[in-house]
Amino acid sequence: MSSSKPINPAAKTSTMEPEPTLALVDAPYDTLESNQPFGKRWGDEIVTLTAEHLSALHDGKLVAVDVQGEYVVFLRLQAKVGDE
């Protein structure tokens, strides 16, 4: 089992912490059988970013990712803590 570290830059300190929406993990895990870090999910896939993608993110562009032909996720680089 891989370890994971949830990341939620929008999380506020309160008695009720929001669920994490990003996590750093050591390796892919079985989303149907594992509760880490988001609980069970119906599917998963690996998206690989190239140096070109990373450069574009550093230049202020977004990377659009097609998710299983149903959804789009937009990735952006947070320049510094507190930026949205």
C-alpha atoms as a PDB file:
ATOM      1  CA  MET A   1       0.000   0.000   0.000  1.00  0.00           C
ATOM      2  CA  SER A   2       1.397   3.389  -0.900  1.00  0.00           C
ATOM      3  CA  SER A   3       1.442   6.318   1.440  1.00  0.00           C
ATOM      4  CA  SER A   4      -0.427   9.444   0.509  1.00  0.00           C
ATOM      5  CA  LYS A   5      -0.441  13.047   1.583  1.00  0.00           C
ATOM      6  CA  PRO A   6      -3.661  14.987   0.903  1.00  0.00           C
ATOM      7  CA  ILE A   7      -3.205  18.496  -0.445  1.00  0.00           C
ATOM      8  CA  ASN A   8      -5.865  21.157  -0.307  1.00  0.00           C
ATOM      9  CA  PRO A   9      -4.468  24.676  -0.684  1.00  0.00           C
ATOM     10  CA  ALA A  10      -7.956  26.113  -0.185  1.00  0.00           C
ATOM     11  CA  ALA A  11      -8.407  24.394   3.184  1.00  0.00           C
ATOM     12  CA  LYS A  12      -9.174  26.739   6.042  1.00  0.00           C
ATOM     13  CA  THR A  13      -8.470  26.031   9.682  1.00  0.00           C
ATOM     14  CA  SER A  14     -11.771  25.135  11.278  1.00  0.00           C
ATOM     15  CA  THR A  15     -13.488  22.371  13.182  1.00  0.00           C
ATOM     16  CA  MET A  16     -14.703  20.869   9.888  1.00  0.00           C
ATOM     17  CA  GLU A  17     -11.879  20.456   7.368  1.00  0.00           C
ATOM     18  CA  PRO A  18     -12.942  20.090   3.720  1.00  0.00           C
ATOM     19  CA  GLU A  19     -12.247  16.823   1.945  1.00  0.00           C
ATOM     20  CA  PRO A  20      -8.939  16.813   0.055  1.00  0.00           C
ATOM     21  CA  THR A  21      -9.172  17.189  -3.713  1.00  0.00           C
ATOM     22  CA  LEU A  22      -5.480  16.605  -4.507  1.00  0.00           C
ATOM     23  CA  ALA A  23      -3.017  14.132  -3.060  1.00  0.00           C
ATOM     24  CA  LEU A  24       0.592  13.137  -3.546  1.00  0.00           C
ATOM     25  CA  VAL A  25       0.968   9.340  -3.726  1.00  0.00           C
ATOM     26  CA  ASP A  26       3.966   7.084  -4.257  1.00  0.00           C
ATOM     27  CA  ALA A  27       2.282   4.883  -6.876  1.00  0.00           C
ATOM     28  CA  PRO A  28      -1.136   4.230  -8.449  1.00  0.00           C
ATOM     29  CA  TYR A  29      -3.495   2.224  -6.256  1.00  0.00           C
ATOM     30  CA  ASP A  30      -6.649   0.190  -6.876  1.00  0.00           C
ATOM     31  CA  THR A  31      -9.409   2.799  -6.632  1.00  0.00           C
ATOM     32  CA  LEU A  32     -12.155   0.171  -6.372  1.00  0.00           C
ATOM     33  CA  GLU A  33     -10.529  -1.589  -3.406  1.00  0.00           C
ATOM     34  CA  SER A  34      -8.745   1.203  -1.572  1.00  0.00           C
ATOM     35  CA  ASN A  35     -10.042   3.996   0.626  1.00  0.00           C
ATOM     36  CA  GLN A  36      -6.907   6.085   0.195  1.00  0.00           C
ATOM     37  CA  PRO A  37      -6.816   9.030  -0.062  1.00  0.00           C
ATOM     38  CA  PHE A  38     -10.316   9.883  -1.366  1.00  0.00           C
ATOM     39  CA  GLY A  39     -12.307   6.742  -0.634  1.00  0.00           C
ATOM     40  CA  LYS A  40     -13.495   4.300  -3.268  1.00  0.00           C
ATOM     41  CA  ARG A  41     -13.860   5.572  -6.844  1.00  0.00           C
ATOM     42  CA  TRP A  42     -15.253   4.029 -10.029  1.00  0.00           C
ATOM     43  CA  GLY A  43     -12.139   4.378 -12.129  1.00  0.00           C
ATOM     44  CA  ASP A  44      -8.728   5.856 -12.542  1.00  0.00           C
ATOM     45  CA  GLU A  45      -6.132   6.650 -15.172  1.00  0.00           C
ATOM     46  CA  ILE A  46      -2.589   7.958 -15.293  1.00  0.00           C
ATOM     47  CA  VAL A  47      -1.856  11.310 -16.945  1.00  0.00           C
ATOM     48  CA  THR A  48       1.799  11.992 -17.722  1.00  0.00           C
ATOM     49  CA  LEU A  49       3.017  15.578 -17.991  1.00  0.00           C
ATOM     50  CA  THR A  50       5.979  16.340 -20.238  1.00  0.00           C
ATOM     51  CA  ALA A  51       8.602  19.031 -19.840  1.00  0.00           C
ATOM     52  CA  GLU A  52       6.614  20.996 -22.440  1.00  0.00           C
ATOM     53  CA  HIS A  53       3.489  20.804 -20.248  1.00  0.00           C
ATOM     54  CA  LEU A  54       5.451  21.936 -17.203  1.00  0.00           C
ATOM     55  CA  SER A  55       6.989  24.809 -19.143  1.00  0.00           C
ATOM     56  CA  ALA A  56       3.521  25.894 -20.332  1.00  0.00           C
ATOM     57  CA  LEU A  57       2.259  25.814 -16.738  1.00  0.00           C
ATOM     58  CA  HIS A  58       5.204  27.990 -15.654  1.00  0.00           C
ATOM     59  CA  ASP A  59       4.286  30.388 -18.482  1.00  0.00           C
ATOM     60  CA  GLY A  60       0.784  30.815 -17.027  1.00  0.00           C
ATOM     61  CA  LYS A  61      -1.059  28.435 -19.348  1.00  0.00           C
ATOM     62  CA  LEU A  62      -3.431  25.707 -18.222  1.00  0.00           C
ATOM     63  CA  VAL A  63      -3.272  22.052 -19.195  1.00  0.00           C
ATOM     64  CA  ALA A  64      -6.679  20.607 -20.130  1.00  0.00           C
ATOM     65  CA  VAL A  65      -7.016  16.876 -19.423  1.00  0.00           C
ATOM     66  CA  ASP A  66      -9.773  14.719 -20.894  1.00  0.00           C
ATOM     67  CA  VAL A  67     -10.953  12.321 -18.191  1.00  0.00           C
ATOM     68  CA  GLN A  68     -12.334   9.081 -19.608  1.00  0.00           C
ATOM     69  CA  GLY A  69     -14.219  10.891 -22.375  1.00  0.00           C
ATOM     70  CA  GLU A  70     -16.652  12.427 -19.875  1.00  0.00           C
ATOM     71  CA  TYR A  71     -15.013  15.216 -17.934  1.00  0.00           C
ATOM     72  CA  VAL A  72     -12.296  17.826 -18.365  1.00  0.00           C
ATOM     73  CA  VAL A  73      -9.865  18.754 -15.601  1.00  0.00           C
ATOM     74  CA  PHE A  74      -7.880  21.985 -15.942  1.00  0.00           C
ATOM     75  CA  LEU A  75      -4.454  21.977 -14.307  1.00  0.00           C
ATOM     76  CA  ARG A  76      -2.717  25.210 -13.408  1.00  0.00           C
ATOM     77  CA  LEU A  77       0.404  26.073 -11.497  1.00  0.00           C
ATOM     78  CA  GLN A  78      -0.040  27.955  -8.249  1.00  0.00           C
ATOM     79  CA  ALA A  79       2.713  30.571  -8.398  1.00  0.00           C
ATOM     80  CA  LYS A  80       2.915  31.006  -4.628  1.00  0.00           C
ATOM     81  CA  VAL A  81       0.928  30.154  -1.509  1.00  0.00           C
ATOM     82  CA  GLY A  82      -2.213  32.258  -1.347  1.00  0.00           C
ATOM     83  CA  ASP A  83      -2.585  32.662  -5.130  1.00  0.00           C
ATOM     84  CA  GLU A  84      -5.630  31.109  -6.717  1.00  0.00           C
END
